[in-house]
Amino acid sequence: MLYGDAEIWSDRYREKEGHDYWRDLRCLRATPWHGAGAALEAIMIWGHIQANWKRFQPQIRHRWDKLTDEDVARIKGHRGVLIDCLQQRYGYGREEAQQEVRPWEHQF
């Protein structure tokens, strides 16, 4: 699944310490991989969510009411951590948690 591969690739890229978004965006544009557009879009969406995390916290709490305040504080706008929390609180598998997040993230 092309979009799923792009999500995994972008999650790994974003969760590195000392991450530089602009450098990574330049790398994606230079990548001959045909799925780079989806990965670029995912990075841009989650970069926006991370930068405005305080504004998105109420939406996360409303959408997934089983998440605790500690979960929301731990997520800090990171997609992979959100997916891990959804798996833990709702008993989802990884793919099911990703499918839960996709419609929410695409509103932005």
N, C-alpha and C. Protein backbone atom coordinates (compact mmCIF):
# COMPACT_ATOMS: atom_id res chain seq x y z
N MET A 1 0.85 -1.17 0.00
CA MET A 1 0.00 0.00 0.00
C MET A 1 0.89 1.23 0.00
N LEU A 2 0.80 2.00 -1.03
CA LEU A 2 1.69 3.15 -1.22
C LEU A 2 1.58 4.16 -0.10
N TYR A 3 0.35 4.56 0.25
CA TYR A 3 0.21 5.59 1.28
C TYR A 3 0.71 5.08 2.62
N GLY A 4 0.43 3.82 2.95
CA GLY A 4 0.91 3.25 4.21
C GLY A 4 2.42 3.26 4.28
N ASP A 5 3.09 2.91 3.16
CA ASP A 5 4.56 2.94 3.13
C ASP A 5 5.07 4.35 3.34
N ALA A 6 4.40 5.31 2.74
CA ALA A 6 4.80 6.71 2.91
C ALA A 6 4.63 7.13 4.36
N GLU A 7 3.56 6.68 5.01
CA GLU A 7 3.34 7.03 6.42
C GLU A 7 4.46 6.48 7.30
N ILE A 8 4.80 5.21 7.09
CA ILE A 8 5.85 4.58 7.89
C ILE A 8 7.17 5.32 7.67
N TRP A 9 7.49 5.61 6.42
CA TRP A 9 8.74 6.29 6.10
C TRP A 9 8.78 7.66 6.76
N SER A 10 7.67 8.40 6.67
CA SER A 10 7.66 9.75 7.24
C SER A 10 7.66 9.71 8.76
N ASP A 11 7.00 8.71 9.38
CA ASP A 11 7.04 8.58 10.84
C ASP A 11 8.47 8.39 11.32
N ARG A 12 9.20 7.52 10.67
CA ARG A 12 10.59 7.28 11.06
C ARG A 12 11.43 8.54 10.91
N TYR A 13 11.19 9.29 9.85
CA TYR A 13 11.94 10.50 9.61
C TYR A 13 11.65 11.55 10.66
N ARG A 14 10.37 11.73 11.00
CA ARG A 14 9.97 12.80 11.91
C ARG A 14 10.36 12.52 13.35
N GLU A 15 10.45 11.27 13.75
CA GLU A 15 10.66 10.97 15.15
C GLU A 15 12.12 10.94 15.56
N LYS A 16 13.03 11.24 14.63
CA LYS A 16 14.44 11.32 14.98
C LYS A 16 14.70 12.56 15.82
N GLU A 17 15.62 12.42 16.76
CA GLU A 17 16.01 13.59 17.56
C GLU A 17 16.78 14.56 16.66
N GLY A 18 16.63 15.83 16.91
CA GLY A 18 17.34 16.84 16.14
C GLY A 18 16.86 16.91 14.69
N HIS A 19 15.61 16.61 14.48
CA HIS A 19 15.04 16.54 13.14
C HIS A 19 14.99 17.92 12.50
N ASP A 20 15.39 18.00 11.24
CA ASP A 20 15.37 19.25 10.48
C ASP A 20 14.36 19.11 9.33
N TYR A 21 13.18 19.71 9.48
CA TYR A 21 12.12 19.55 8.48
C TYR A 21 12.53 20.04 7.10
N TRP A 22 13.17 21.20 7.03
CA TRP A 22 13.50 21.76 5.72
C TRP A 22 14.50 20.89 4.98
N ARG A 23 15.49 20.37 5.69
CA ARG A 23 16.45 19.47 5.07
C ARG A 23 15.73 18.21 4.56
N ASP A 24 14.84 17.69 5.38
CA ASP A 24 14.12 16.47 5.00
C ASP A 24 13.19 16.71 3.82
N LEU A 25 12.56 17.87 3.78
CA LEU A 25 11.70 18.18 2.65
C LEU A 25 12.51 18.26 1.36
N ARG A 26 13.71 18.85 1.43
CA ARG A 26 14.58 18.89 0.26
C ARG A 26 14.98 17.49 -0.16
N CYS A 27 15.26 16.62 0.81
CA CYS A 27 15.62 15.23 0.50
C CYS A 27 14.46 14.52 -0.18
N LEU A 28 13.25 14.74 0.29
CA LEU A 28 12.09 14.10 -0.32
C LEU A 28 11.89 14.57 -1.76
N ARG A 29 12.07 15.86 -1.99
CA ARG A 29 11.89 16.37 -3.35
C ARG A 29 12.92 15.79 -4.30
N ALA A 30 14.10 15.47 -3.78
CA ALA A 30 15.16 14.92 -4.62
C ALA A 30 15.07 13.40 -4.76
N THR A 31 14.16 12.77 -4.03
CA THR A 31 14.04 11.32 -4.04
C THR A 31 13.30 10.87 -5.29
N PRO A 32 13.87 9.92 -6.04
CA PRO A 32 13.20 9.44 -7.24
C PRO A 32 12.03 8.50 -6.94
N TRP A 33 11.81 8.19 -5.66
CA TRP A 33 10.75 7.27 -5.26
C TRP A 33 9.40 7.89 -5.59
N HIS A 34 8.53 7.15 -6.24
CA HIS A 34 7.25 7.70 -6.69
C HIS A 34 6.28 7.99 -5.55
N GLY A 35 6.53 7.51 -4.34
CA GLY A 35 5.64 7.77 -3.22
C GLY A 35 6.07 8.97 -2.38
N ALA A 36 7.07 9.69 -2.83
CA ALA A 36 7.60 10.81 -2.04
C ALA A 36 6.55 11.90 -1.82
N GLY A 37 5.63 12.06 -2.75
CA GLY A 37 4.59 13.09 -2.60
C GLY A 37 3.72 12.83 -1.38
N ALA A 38 3.34 11.57 -1.17
CA ALA A 38 2.52 11.23 0.00
C ALA A 38 3.31 11.40 1.28
N ALA A 39 4.59 11.03 1.26
CA ALA A 39 5.43 11.20 2.44
C ALA A 39 5.63 12.68 2.75
N LEU A 40 5.83 13.47 1.72
CA LEU A 40 5.99 14.91 1.89
C LEU A 40 4.73 15.52 2.50
N GLU A 41 3.58 15.10 2.00
CA GLU A 41 2.31 15.60 2.54
C GLU A 41 2.14 15.21 4.01
N ALA A 42 2.49 13.96 4.35
CA ALA A 42 2.36 13.50 5.74
C ALA A 42 3.29 14.30 6.66
N ILE A 43 4.50 14.56 6.22
CA ILE A 43 5.45 15.34 7.03
C ILE A 43 4.92 16.75 7.22
N MET A 44 4.39 17.35 6.18
CA MET A 44 3.88 18.71 6.29
C MET A 44 2.68 18.78 7.23
N ILE A 45 1.77 17.82 7.14
CA ILE A 45 0.60 17.80 8.02
C ILE A 45 1.04 17.67 9.47
N TRP A 46 1.90 16.70 9.74
CA TRP A 46 2.29 16.46 11.13
C TRP A 46 3.25 17.53 11.64
N GLY A 47 4.00 18.17 10.77
CA GLY A 47 4.79 19.33 11.19
C GLY A 47 3.88 20.45 11.67
N HIS A 48 2.78 20.64 10.95
CA HIS A 48 1.78 21.65 11.34
C HIS A 48 1.13 21.27 12.67
N ILE A 49 0.79 20.00 12.83
CA ILE A 49 0.17 19.54 14.08
C ILE A 49 1.14 19.71 15.24
N GLN A 50 2.41 19.37 15.05
CA GLN A 50 3.40 19.53 16.12
C GLN A 50 3.58 21.00 16.49
N ALA A 51 3.65 21.85 15.50
CA ALA A 51 3.87 23.27 15.75
C ALA A 51 2.69 23.91 16.49
N ASN A 52 1.50 23.35 16.33
CA ASN A 52 0.28 23.89 16.94
C ASN A 52 -0.35 22.89 17.89
N TRP A 53 0.47 22.10 18.57
CA TRP A 53 -0.03 21.00 19.38
C TRP A 53 -1.04 21.42 20.44
N LYS A 54 -0.82 22.54 21.09
CA LYS A 54 -1.77 22.98 22.13
C LYS A 54 -3.16 23.20 21.54
N ARG A 55 -3.22 23.68 20.34
CA ARG A 55 -4.50 23.92 19.68
C ARG A 55 -5.18 22.60 19.29
N PHE A 56 -4.39 21.56 19.00
CA PHE A 56 -4.96 20.28 18.57
C PHE A 56 -5.32 19.36 19.73
N GLN A 57 -4.82 19.62 20.91
CA GLN A 57 -5.09 18.74 22.05
C GLN A 57 -6.58 18.55 22.33
N PRO A 58 -7.40 19.62 22.35
CA PRO A 58 -8.83 19.40 22.60
C PRO A 58 -9.48 18.53 21.51
N GLN A 59 -9.04 18.67 20.27
CA GLN A 59 -9.59 17.86 19.19
C GLN A 59 -9.23 16.38 19.38
N ILE A 60 -8.00 16.13 19.81
CA ILE A 60 -7.57 14.75 20.07
C ILE A 60 -8.39 14.17 21.22
N ARG A 61 -8.55 14.94 22.27
CA ARG A 61 -9.32 14.46 23.43
C ARG A 61 -10.78 14.18 23.07
N HIS A 62 -11.35 15.03 22.23
CA HIS A 62 -12.74 14.85 21.80
C HIS A 62 -12.87 13.63 20.89
N ARG A 63 -11.95 13.47 19.96
CA ARG A 63 -12.02 12.37 18.98
C ARG A 63 -11.77 11.02 19.64
N TRP A 64 -10.79 10.95 20.53
CA TRP A 64 -10.43 9.69 21.20
C TRP A 64 -10.52 9.92 22.70
N ASP A 65 -11.70 9.77 23.25
CA ASP A 65 -11.95 10.12 24.65
C ASP A 65 -11.32 9.16 25.66
N LYS A 66 -10.83 8.01 25.23
CA LYS A 66 -10.16 7.10 26.16
C LYS A 66 -8.71 7.50 26.42
N LEU A 67 -8.18 8.42 25.63
CA LEU A 67 -6.80 8.88 25.87
C LEU A 67 -6.77 9.73 27.14
N THR A 68 -5.78 9.48 27.96
CA THR A 68 -5.63 10.23 29.20
C THR A 68 -4.87 11.53 28.94
N ASP A 69 -4.87 12.42 29.94
CA ASP A 69 -4.08 13.65 29.83
C ASP A 69 -2.60 13.33 29.66
N GLU A 70 -2.14 12.27 30.32
CA GLU A 70 -0.74 11.86 30.20
C GLU A 70 -0.44 11.38 28.78
N ASP A 71 -1.40 10.65 28.18
CA ASP A 71 -1.22 10.21 26.79
C ASP A 71 -1.09 11.41 25.87
N VAL A 72 -1.99 12.36 26.01
CA VAL A 72 -1.99 13.55 25.14
C VAL A 72 -0.70 14.34 25.32
N ALA A 73 -0.23 14.46 26.56
CA ALA A 73 1.03 15.17 26.81
C ALA A 73 2.21 14.43 26.18
N ARG A 74 2.15 13.10 26.20
CA ARG A 74 3.24 12.28 25.65
C ARG A 74 3.25 12.33 24.12
N ILE A 75 2.10 12.45 23.50
CA ILE A 75 2.00 12.44 22.04
C ILE A 75 2.74 13.62 21.43
N LYS A 76 2.55 14.82 21.96
CA LYS A 76 3.25 16.04 21.50
C LYS A 76 3.23 16.22 19.98
N GLY A 77 2.16 15.79 19.34
CA GLY A 77 2.06 15.98 17.90
C GLY A 77 2.78 14.94 17.07
N HIS A 78 3.20 13.84 17.66
CA HIS A 78 3.89 12.78 16.92
C HIS A 78 2.91 11.69 16.53
N ARG A 79 2.77 11.45 15.26
CA ARG A 79 1.81 10.48 14.74
C ARG A 79 2.06 9.08 15.29
N GLY A 80 3.31 8.66 15.29
CA GLY A 80 3.64 7.32 15.77
C GLY A 80 3.26 7.10 17.22
N VAL A 81 3.46 8.12 18.05
CA VAL A 81 3.11 8.02 19.47
C VAL A 81 1.58 7.98 19.62
N LEU A 82 0.86 8.77 18.80
CA LEU A 82 -0.60 8.73 18.82
C LEU A 82 -1.08 7.32 18.48
N ILE A 83 -0.50 6.73 17.46
CA ILE A 83 -0.89 5.38 17.06
C ILE A 83 -0.61 4.38 18.17
N ASP A 84 0.54 4.51 18.82
CA ASP A 84 0.87 3.62 19.95
C ASP A 84 -0.15 3.77 21.08
N CYS A 85 -0.53 5.00 21.39
CA CYS A 85 -1.52 5.25 22.45
C CYS A 85 -2.88 4.67 22.08
N LEU A 86 -3.28 4.82 20.82
CA LEU A 86 -4.56 4.26 20.39
C LEU A 86 -4.55 2.74 20.49
N GLN A 87 -3.41 2.13 20.14
CA GLN A 87 -3.31 0.68 20.27
C GLN A 87 -3.46 0.26 21.73
N GLN A 88 -2.83 1.00 22.61
CA GLN A 88 -2.87 0.66 24.03
C GLN A 88 -4.26 0.88 24.62
N ARG A 89 -4.88 2.03 24.37
CA ARG A 89 -6.16 2.37 25.02
C ARG A 89 -7.37 1.69 24.39
N TYR A 90 -7.31 1.48 23.07
CA TYR A 90 -8.47 0.93 22.38
C TYR A 90 -8.28 -0.52 21.96
N GLY A 91 -7.09 -1.06 22.12
CA GLY A 91 -6.83 -2.44 21.74
C GLY A 91 -6.75 -2.66 20.23
N TYR A 92 -6.46 -1.59 19.48
CA TYR A 92 -6.34 -1.69 18.03
C TYR A 92 -5.03 -2.36 17.65
N GLY A 93 -5.01 -2.96 16.47
CA GLY A 93 -3.76 -3.37 15.84
C GLY A 93 -3.15 -2.13 15.20
N ARG A 94 -1.91 -2.23 14.75
CA ARG A 94 -1.22 -1.07 14.17
C ARG A 94 -1.97 -0.52 12.96
N GLU A 95 -2.36 -1.40 12.04
CA GLU A 95 -3.05 -0.96 10.83
C GLU A 95 -4.40 -0.32 11.17
N GLU A 96 -5.11 -0.90 12.12
CA GLU A 96 -6.41 -0.35 12.52
C GLU A 96 -6.25 1.04 13.14
N ALA A 97 -5.20 1.21 13.95
CA ALA A 97 -4.93 2.52 14.56
C ALA A 97 -4.58 3.55 13.48
N GLN A 98 -3.79 3.13 12.48
CA GLN A 98 -3.46 4.04 11.37
C GLN A 98 -4.71 4.44 10.60
N GLN A 99 -5.63 3.49 10.40
CA GLN A 99 -6.87 3.80 9.70
C GLN A 99 -7.75 4.76 10.51
N GLU A 100 -7.66 4.70 11.83
CA GLU A 100 -8.39 5.64 12.68
C GLU A 100 -7.83 7.06 12.53
N VAL A 101 -6.52 7.17 12.41
CA VAL A 101 -5.86 8.47 12.38
C VAL A 101 -6.00 9.15 11.01
N ARG A 102 -5.99 8.38 9.93
CA ARG A 102 -6.01 8.96 8.58
C ARG A 102 -7.12 9.97 8.35
N PRO A 103 -8.40 9.65 8.63
CA PRO A 103 -9.44 10.66 8.36
C PRO A 103 -9.26 11.94 9.20
N TRP A 104 -8.80 11.75 10.44
CA TRP A 104 -8.59 12.92 11.31
C TRP A 104 -7.50 13.82 10.76
N GLU A 105 -6.35 13.22 10.36
CA GLU A 105 -5.23 14.04 9.90
C GLU A 105 -5.51 14.72 8.56
N HIS A 106 -6.39 14.15 7.76
CA HIS A 106 -6.67 14.72 6.45
C HIS A 106 -7.66 15.88 6.48
N GLN A 107 -8.15 16.23 7.67
CA GLN A 107 -8.97 17.43 7.74
C GLN A 107 -8.11 18.69 7.71
N PHE A 108 -6.81 18.54 7.82
CA PHE A 108 -5.93 19.70 7.93
C PHE A 108 -5.22 19.95 6.65
